[in-house]
N, C-alpha and C. Protein backbone atom coordinates (compact mmCIF):
# COMPACT_ATOMS: atom_id res chain seq x y z
N MET A 1 -100.90 28.25 -210.00
CA MET A 1 -101.90 26.39 -209.95
C MET A 1 -102.03 26.19 -211.35
N SER A 2 -102.11 25.18 -212.01
CA SER A 2 -102.78 25.40 -213.08
C SER A 2 -104.06 24.69 -213.32
N ASP A 3 -104.33 24.00 -214.44
CA ASP A 3 -106.25 23.61 -214.12
C ASP A 3 -106.20 22.38 -214.40
N CYS A 4 -104.98 21.01 -213.85
CA CYS A 4 -104.58 20.32 -212.95
C CYS A 4 -105.41 19.71 -212.23
N THR A 5 -106.68 19.15 -212.46
CA THR A 5 -107.56 18.58 -211.41
C THR A 5 -106.28 17.55 -210.33
N PHE A 6 -105.80 16.55 -210.39
CA PHE A 6 -104.83 15.45 -209.62
C PHE A 6 -103.48 17.36 -209.30
N CYS A 7 -103.46 17.54 -209.11
CA CYS A 7 -102.62 18.57 -208.33
C CYS A 7 -103.30 19.03 -207.84
N LYS A 8 -104.64 19.85 -208.06
CA LYS A 8 -105.57 20.48 -207.04
C LYS A 8 -105.71 19.35 -205.78
N ILE A 9 -105.81 17.96 -206.07
CA ILE A 9 -106.30 16.97 -205.40
C ILE A 9 -105.07 17.24 -204.44
N VAL A 10 -103.54 17.04 -205.03
CA VAL A 10 -101.86 17.44 -203.84
C VAL A 10 -102.21 17.88 -203.59
N ALA A 11 -102.60 19.51 -204.07
CA ALA A 11 -102.70 20.61 -203.25
C ALA A 11 -103.77 21.19 -202.37
N GLY A 12 -104.97 19.96 -201.76
CA GLY A 12 -106.08 20.18 -200.93
C GLY A 12 -106.74 20.86 -201.48
N LEU A 13 -107.14 21.53 -202.77
CA LEU A 13 -108.09 22.61 -203.14
C LEU A 13 -109.14 21.39 -203.77
N LEU A 14 -108.75 20.49 -203.44
CA LEU A 14 -110.28 19.75 -203.98
C LEU A 14 -110.39 18.23 -203.11
N PRO A 15 -111.51 17.95 -202.76
CA PRO A 15 -111.67 16.46 -201.91
C PRO A 15 -111.26 15.39 -202.47
N SER A 16 -110.71 14.75 -201.90
CA SER A 16 -110.31 13.18 -202.25
C SER A 16 -110.39 12.40 -201.35
N TYR A 17 -109.97 10.73 -201.63
CA TYR A 17 -110.52 9.86 -200.50
C TYR A 17 -109.50 8.83 -200.07
N ARG A 18 -108.76 9.52 -199.11
CA ARG A 18 -106.52 9.52 -199.31
C ARG A 18 -106.34 7.70 -198.81
N VAL A 19 -106.17 7.13 -199.65
CA VAL A 19 -105.78 6.23 -199.47
C VAL A 19 -104.38 5.70 -198.27
N LEU A 20 -103.54 6.03 -199.09
CA LEU A 20 -101.44 6.04 -198.67
C LEU A 20 -100.86 7.25 -199.16
N GLU A 21 -99.78 7.87 -198.36
CA GLU A 21 -99.58 9.26 -198.69
C GLU A 21 -97.74 8.83 -198.58
N ASP A 22 -97.15 10.33 -199.21
CA ASP A 22 -95.86 9.77 -198.64
C ASP A 22 -95.49 11.43 -198.97
N GLU A 23 -93.70 11.51 -199.01
CA GLU A 23 -93.34 13.17 -199.61
C GLU A 23 -93.78 12.93 -200.84
N HIS A 24 -93.20 12.11 -201.95
CA HIS A 24 -93.28 11.56 -203.35
C HIS A 24 -94.32 11.40 -204.27
N THR A 25 -95.47 11.30 -203.41
CA THR A 25 -97.13 10.29 -203.70
C THR A 25 -97.67 10.18 -203.25
N LEU A 26 -99.07 9.99 -204.29
CA LEU A 26 -100.46 9.54 -203.27
C LEU A 26 -101.68 8.97 -203.91
N ALA A 27 -102.15 8.22 -202.69
CA ALA A 27 -103.05 7.33 -203.98
C ALA A 27 -103.95 7.32 -202.95
N PHE A 28 -105.29 7.75 -204.01
CA PHE A 28 -106.45 7.61 -203.49
C PHE A 28 -107.42 7.06 -204.22
N LEU A 29 -108.45 7.24 -203.72
CA LEU A 29 -109.68 6.11 -204.71
C LEU A 29 -110.20 6.81 -205.96
N ASN A 30 -110.49 5.69 -206.76
CA ASN A 30 -111.52 7.04 -207.78
C ASN A 30 -112.82 6.90 -207.52
N ILE A 31 -113.34 8.29 -208.27
CA ILE A 31 -114.75 8.83 -207.94
C ILE A 31 -115.72 7.99 -209.05
N ARG A 32 -114.83 7.55 -209.44
CA ARG A 32 -115.62 6.40 -210.74
C ARG A 32 -115.32 5.69 -211.27
N PRO A 33 -115.74 4.07 -209.57
CA PRO A 33 -114.52 3.40 -209.33
C PRO A 33 -114.99 1.88 -210.84
N ALA A 34 -114.38 1.39 -210.88
CA ALA A 34 -114.58 0.36 -211.49
C ALA A 34 -114.78 -1.01 -210.90
N SER A 35 -114.77 -0.74 -209.92
CA SER A 35 -114.81 -1.87 -208.62
C SER A 35 -114.12 -1.03 -207.24
N PRO A 36 -114.64 -1.99 -206.25
CA PRO A 36 -114.87 -1.35 -205.04
C PRO A 36 -113.05 -2.29 -204.73
N GLY A 37 -112.34 -0.45 -204.43
CA GLY A 37 -111.33 0.13 -203.68
C GLY A 37 -110.36 0.07 -205.34
N HIS A 38 -110.81 0.79 -206.04
CA HIS A 38 -110.03 0.84 -207.28
C HIS A 38 -109.32 2.24 -206.86
N THR A 39 -108.49 2.46 -207.24
CA THR A 39 -107.13 3.35 -206.25
C THR A 39 -106.45 3.86 -207.48
N LEU A 40 -105.93 5.29 -207.06
CA LEU A 40 -105.39 6.13 -208.85
C LEU A 40 -103.69 6.20 -207.76
N VAL A 41 -102.60 5.92 -207.59
CA VAL A 41 -101.26 6.63 -207.90
C VAL A 41 -100.91 7.26 -208.49
N ILE A 42 -100.64 8.87 -207.67
CA ILE A 42 -99.77 9.54 -208.89
C ILE A 42 -98.55 10.55 -208.01
N PRO A 43 -98.13 10.73 -209.01
CA PRO A 43 -96.54 11.29 -208.53
C PRO A 43 -97.27 13.05 -208.06
N ARG A 44 -96.47 13.49 -206.97
CA ARG A 44 -97.31 14.96 -206.11
C ARG A 44 -96.78 15.71 -207.45
N VAL A 45 -95.28 16.16 -207.97
CA VAL A 45 -94.58 16.85 -209.04
C VAL A 45 -96.09 16.08 -210.43
N HIS A 46 -96.08 17.60 -211.29
CA HIS A 46 -97.31 17.42 -212.23
C HIS A 46 -95.97 16.57 -213.15
N ALA A 47 -96.83 15.92 -213.82
CA ALA A 47 -95.80 15.18 -215.34
C ALA A 47 -96.95 14.72 -215.99
N ARG A 48 -97.45 15.11 -217.35
CA ARG A 48 -98.10 14.81 -217.39
C ARG A 48 -98.71 13.48 -218.26
N ASP A 49 -97.47 12.81 -218.20
CA ASP A 49 -97.71 11.58 -218.91
C ASP A 49 -96.05 10.49 -218.95
N VAL A 50 -96.23 9.29 -218.90
CA VAL A 50 -95.29 7.98 -218.78
C VAL A 50 -93.84 8.62 -219.64
N TRP A 51 -94.24 9.75 -221.22
CA TRP A 51 -93.15 10.51 -221.34
C TRP A 51 -92.96 11.59 -220.79
N GLU A 52 -93.70 12.13 -220.18
CA GLU A 52 -92.30 13.32 -219.18
C GLU A 52 -92.12 13.15 -217.89
N ILE A 53 -92.78 12.25 -217.26
CA ILE A 53 -92.33 11.60 -215.64
C ILE A 53 -90.56 11.06 -215.30
N SER A 54 -89.93 11.98 -215.34
CA SER A 54 -88.40 11.88 -214.71
C SER A 54 -88.41 9.94 -214.18
N LYS A 55 -87.53 10.00 -213.94
CA LYS A 55 -87.13 7.63 -214.33
C LYS A 55 -87.35 8.48 -212.31
N THR A 56 -86.65 8.99 -211.92
CA THR A 56 -86.86 9.45 -209.86
C THR A 56 -88.33 8.88 -209.71
N SER A 57 -89.21 10.14 -210.55
CA SER A 57 -90.90 9.77 -210.06
C SER A 57 -91.77 8.48 -210.43
N HIS A 58 -91.16 7.89 -211.55
CA HIS A 58 -92.08 6.58 -212.27
C HIS A 58 -91.20 5.79 -211.12
N GLY A 59 -90.22 5.52 -210.25
CA GLY A 59 -90.08 4.66 -209.76
C GLY A 59 -90.52 4.98 -208.03
N GLU A 60 -90.73 6.16 -207.64
CA GLU A 60 -91.58 6.49 -206.28
C GLU A 60 -92.63 6.07 -207.00
N VAL A 61 -93.56 6.33 -207.80
CA VAL A 61 -95.14 5.90 -207.85
C VAL A 61 -95.01 4.04 -208.10
N ALA A 62 -94.42 3.22 -208.87
CA ALA A 62 -94.09 2.11 -208.94
C ALA A 62 -94.21 1.48 -207.18
N ASP A 63 -93.15 2.36 -206.69
CA ASP A 63 -93.18 1.58 -205.12
C ASP A 63 -94.99 1.94 -204.80
N MET A 64 -95.23 3.43 -204.94
CA MET A 64 -96.81 3.33 -204.38
C MET A 64 -98.12 2.35 -204.59
N VAL A 65 -97.57 2.17 -206.15
CA VAL A 65 -98.82 1.17 -206.41
C VAL A 65 -98.35 -0.10 -205.96
N HIS A 66 -97.08 -0.94 -205.15
CA HIS A 66 -97.11 -2.18 -204.49
C HIS A 66 -97.16 -2.19 -203.17
N ARG A 67 -97.30 -1.15 -202.35
CA ARG A 67 -97.88 -0.45 -201.41
C ARG A 67 -99.68 -0.59 -201.20
N VAL A 68 -99.88 0.07 -201.93
CA VAL A 68 -101.28 -0.42 -202.47
C VAL A 68 -101.66 -1.40 -202.27
N ALA A 69 -101.26 -2.20 -203.83
CA ALA A 69 -101.67 -3.28 -203.98
C ALA A 69 -101.60 -3.93 -202.20
N ALA A 70 -101.24 -4.33 -201.68
CA ALA A 70 -100.72 -4.79 -200.48
C ALA A 70 -101.83 -4.08 -199.41
N VAL A 71 -102.08 -3.65 -199.49
CA VAL A 71 -102.82 -2.75 -198.40
C VAL A 71 -104.75 -3.05 -199.19
N LEU A 72 -104.56 -3.33 -200.50
CA LEU A 72 -106.20 -3.58 -200.98
C LEU A 72 -105.95 -5.04 -200.51
N LYS A 73 -104.93 -6.18 -201.15
CA LYS A 73 -105.09 -7.08 -200.98
C LYS A 73 -105.73 -7.95 -198.55
N THR A 74 -104.89 -6.98 -198.39
CA THR A 74 -104.89 -7.74 -197.39
C THR A 74 -106.40 -6.96 -196.51
N THR A 75 -106.79 -6.05 -196.92
CA THR A 75 -108.00 -5.09 -196.10
C THR A 75 -109.32 -5.82 -197.18
N LEU A 76 -109.45 -6.11 -198.12
CA LEU A 76 -110.17 -6.48 -199.03
C LEU A 76 -110.42 -7.83 -199.63
N ALA A 77 -109.39 -8.29 -199.59
CA ALA A 77 -109.01 -9.83 -200.51
C ALA A 77 -109.77 -10.01 -201.96
N PRO A 78 -109.16 -9.13 -202.18
CA PRO A 78 -109.36 -9.46 -203.47
C PRO A 78 -108.50 -10.75 -204.43
N GLU A 79 -109.60 -11.53 -205.84
CA GLU A 79 -108.75 -12.14 -206.09
C GLU A 79 -108.18 -12.15 -206.69
N GLY A 80 -107.51 -10.87 -207.68
CA GLY A 80 -106.40 -10.39 -208.22
C GLY A 80 -106.86 -9.02 -208.40
N VAL A 81 -105.40 -8.22 -209.15
CA VAL A 81 -105.68 -6.76 -209.87
C VAL A 81 -104.71 -6.84 -210.38
N ASN A 82 -105.67 -5.37 -211.22
CA ASN A 82 -105.02 -5.10 -212.36
C ASN A 82 -104.17 -3.92 -212.15
N VAL A 83 -103.19 -3.45 -212.69
CA VAL A 83 -102.79 -2.29 -212.71
C VAL A 83 -102.28 -1.84 -214.15
N LYS A 84 -103.15 -0.92 -214.20
CA LYS A 84 -102.71 -0.28 -215.28
C LYS A 84 -102.82 1.23 -215.82
N HIS A 85 -101.90 2.17 -216.97
CA HIS A 85 -101.90 3.18 -216.96
C HIS A 85 -101.89 3.88 -218.38
N ASN A 86 -102.70 4.65 -218.63
CA ASN A 86 -102.81 5.07 -220.11
C ASN A 86 -101.94 6.64 -220.46
N THR A 87 -101.36 6.14 -221.49
CA THR A 87 -100.65 7.68 -222.19
C THR A 87 -100.98 8.05 -223.37
N GLY A 88 -101.82 9.26 -223.36
CA GLY A 88 -101.96 9.88 -224.62
C GLY A 88 -104.22 9.66 -224.59
N GLU A 89 -104.71 10.73 -225.24
CA GLU A 89 -105.55 10.42 -225.53
C GLU A 89 -106.20 9.31 -226.51
N ALA A 90 -105.37 8.06 -227.62
CA ALA A 90 -105.75 8.03 -228.36
C ALA A 90 -105.99 6.49 -226.89
N ALA A 91 -104.71 6.66 -225.84
CA ALA A 91 -104.66 4.71 -225.22
C ALA A 91 -105.79 5.39 -224.35
N GLY A 92 -106.85 6.03 -223.83
CA GLY A 92 -107.91 6.52 -222.72
C GLY A 92 -107.40 7.71 -222.37
N GLN A 93 -105.92 8.30 -221.87
CA GLN A 93 -106.04 9.07 -220.70
C GLN A 93 -106.62 10.40 -220.75
N ASP A 94 -107.49 10.13 -220.34
CA ASP A 94 -108.57 11.64 -219.65
C ASP A 94 -108.27 12.38 -218.52
N VAL A 95 -107.72 12.54 -217.71
CA VAL A 95 -107.29 13.31 -216.74
C VAL A 95 -105.19 13.45 -217.05
N PHE A 96 -104.94 14.76 -217.79
CA PHE A 96 -103.78 14.45 -218.18
C PHE A 96 -102.45 14.57 -216.94
N HIS A 97 -102.00 13.80 -216.22
CA HIS A 97 -101.38 14.31 -214.76
C HIS A 97 -101.14 12.36 -214.64
N TYR A 98 -99.94 12.75 -214.77
CA TYR A 98 -99.39 11.15 -214.49
C TYR A 98 -100.43 9.77 -213.64
N HIS A 99 -101.12 8.82 -213.93
CA HIS A 99 -101.67 7.98 -213.19
C HIS A 99 -101.67 6.56 -213.23
N VAL A 100 -101.61 5.77 -212.46
CA VAL A 100 -101.73 4.58 -211.99
C VAL A 100 -102.82 4.20 -211.09
N HIS A 101 -103.79 3.01 -211.98
CA HIS A 101 -104.95 2.96 -211.53
C HIS A 101 -104.83 1.66 -210.95
N VAL A 102 -104.73 1.49 -209.96
CA VAL A 102 -104.84 -0.32 -209.33
C VAL A 102 -106.28 -0.72 -208.32
N VAL A 103 -106.71 -1.47 -209.67
CA VAL A 103 -108.10 -2.46 -209.56
C VAL A 103 -108.12 -3.29 -209.22
N PRO A 104 -108.60 -3.57 -207.77
CA PRO A 104 -109.04 -4.94 -207.22
C PRO A 104 -109.42 -5.56 -208.35
N ARG A 105 -109.94 -7.11 -208.21
CA ARG A 105 -110.86 -8.36 -209.31
C ARG A 105 -111.19 -9.07 -208.23
N TRP A 106 -112.29 -9.44 -208.95
CA TRP A 106 -112.87 -11.11 -208.14
C TRP A 106 -113.36 -12.13 -209.44
N ARG A 107 -113.47 -12.97 -209.87
CA ARG A 107 -113.84 -13.80 -210.72
C ARG A 107 -115.42 -13.50 -210.51
N GLY A 108 -116.14 -13.36 -211.70
CA GLY A 108 -116.82 -12.87 -212.00
C GLY A 108 -117.44 -11.15 -212.20
N ASP A 109 -116.80 -10.58 -211.95
CA ASP A 109 -116.61 -9.01 -211.99
C ASP A 109 -117.49 -8.68 -212.94
N ASP A 110 -117.10 -9.06 -214.63
CA ASP A 110 -117.18 -9.45 -215.67
C ASP A 110 -117.00 -7.39 -215.96
N LEU A 111 -116.17 -7.03 -215.51
CA LEU A 111 -115.02 -6.15 -215.76
C LEU A 111 -114.26 -6.32 -216.65
N ARG A 112 -114.38 -5.82 -218.14
CA ARG A 112 -112.85 -6.70 -219.32
C ARG A 112 -111.61 -5.55 -219.69
N LEU A 113 -110.77 -5.70 -218.93
CA LEU A 113 -109.95 -4.89 -219.43
C LEU A 113 -108.67 -5.26 -219.74
N THR A 114 -109.00 -6.77 -220.44
CA THR A 114 -108.04 -7.16 -221.51
C THR A 114 -108.19 -7.19 -222.98
N TRP A 115 -107.59 -7.70 -223.57
CA TRP A 115 -108.07 -8.08 -225.25
C TRP A 115 -107.39 -9.08 -225.49
N SER A 116 -108.41 -9.51 -226.46
CA SER A 116 -107.58 -10.79 -227.42
C SER A 116 -107.29 -10.88 -228.75
N SER A 117 -106.23 -10.76 -229.32
CA SER A 117 -105.64 -10.12 -230.31
C SER A 117 -105.26 -11.25 -230.93
N PRO A 118 -104.74 -11.95 -232.77
CA PRO A 118 -104.51 -12.84 -233.04
C PRO A 118 -103.29 -12.69 -233.00
N LEU A 119 -102.72 -14.07 -232.76
CA LEU A 119 -100.73 -14.31 -233.20
C LEU A 119 -100.76 -13.43 -234.44
N ALA A 120 -99.20 -12.72 -233.94
CA ALA A 120 -98.93 -11.84 -235.76
C ALA A 120 -98.09 -13.22 -235.86
N PRO A 121 -98.03 -12.91 -237.27
CA PRO A 121 -96.81 -14.26 -237.65
C PRO A 121 -95.37 -13.36 -237.65
N ALA A 122 -94.40 -14.33 -238.01
CA ALA A 122 -92.87 -13.67 -237.41
C ALA A 122 -92.77 -12.34 -238.33
N HIS A 123 -92.95 -12.76 -239.39
CA HIS A 123 -92.23 -11.48 -240.55
C HIS A 123 -92.77 -10.26 -239.87
N GLU A 124 -93.61 -9.97 -239.29
CA GLU A 124 -94.25 -9.04 -239.00
C GLU A 124 -93.74 -8.44 -237.73
N LEU A 125 -93.22 -9.19 -236.40
CA LEU A 125 -93.03 -9.23 -235.51
C LEU A 125 -91.53 -8.61 -235.60
N GLU A 126 -90.85 -9.50 -236.63
CA GLU A 126 -90.01 -9.01 -237.31
C GLU A 126 -88.89 -7.75 -238.11
N GLN A 127 -90.05 -7.09 -238.32
CA GLN A 127 -90.53 -5.95 -238.81
C GLN A 127 -90.14 -4.90 -237.70
N VAL A 128 -91.12 -5.41 -237.05
CA VAL A 128 -91.16 -4.96 -235.87
C VAL A 128 -89.64 -3.78 -234.91
N LEU A 129 -89.71 -5.41 -234.71
CA LEU A 129 -88.36 -5.55 -234.14
C LEU A 129 -87.09 -4.59 -234.75
N GLU A 130 -87.51 -4.49 -236.20
CA GLU A 130 -86.34 -4.40 -236.57
C GLU A 130 -86.10 -2.97 -236.64
N ARG A 131 -87.33 -1.76 -236.55
CA ARG A 131 -88.08 -0.60 -236.74
C ARG A 131 -87.16 0.05 -235.22
N VAL A 132 -88.28 -0.77 -234.17
CA VAL A 132 -87.82 -0.84 -232.55
C VAL A 132 -85.59 -0.70 -232.41
N THR A 133 -85.69 -1.54 -233.00
CA THR A 133 -83.29 -1.75 -232.48
C THR A 133 -82.95 -0.24 -233.32
N ALA A 134 -84.23 -0.61 -234.04
CA ALA A 134 -82.76 0.54 -234.96
C ALA A 134 -82.89 2.18 -234.62
N GLY A 135 -84.11 2.12 -233.69
CA GLY A 135 -84.04 3.64 -233.52
C GLY A 135 -83.87 4.37 -232.08
N ARG A 136 -83.07 2.89 -231.18
CA ARG A 136 -82.47 3.04 -229.87
C ARG A 136 -81.24 4.29 -230.00
């Protein structure tokens, strides 16, 4: 067993508040919730991040995210939901087992998960697009 907190939760070695689970994924309440019902969805098989997770496992997580969002909508009646993932420390990842946050939202909850950026000039977008498409 690795030192991964989420692998220990999957194995039942650490407690969790399980919302939904199936043979491939586990969804449990975040113990540091951004809002009531904030749920984490993880693959049962360890993958560090979006660059490491298999296409199949990523699809299984996406399916569970969809199921969790539906359960939260029915039971907690949020006015919206954020679905968020961070890969790498620079992006805010602090547990290095792939996971997706499903965060119920209500008007006036004052939770800030968005950003406001200036409009990019066309020439900058063209330069980035050129680099990205050249590297495919």
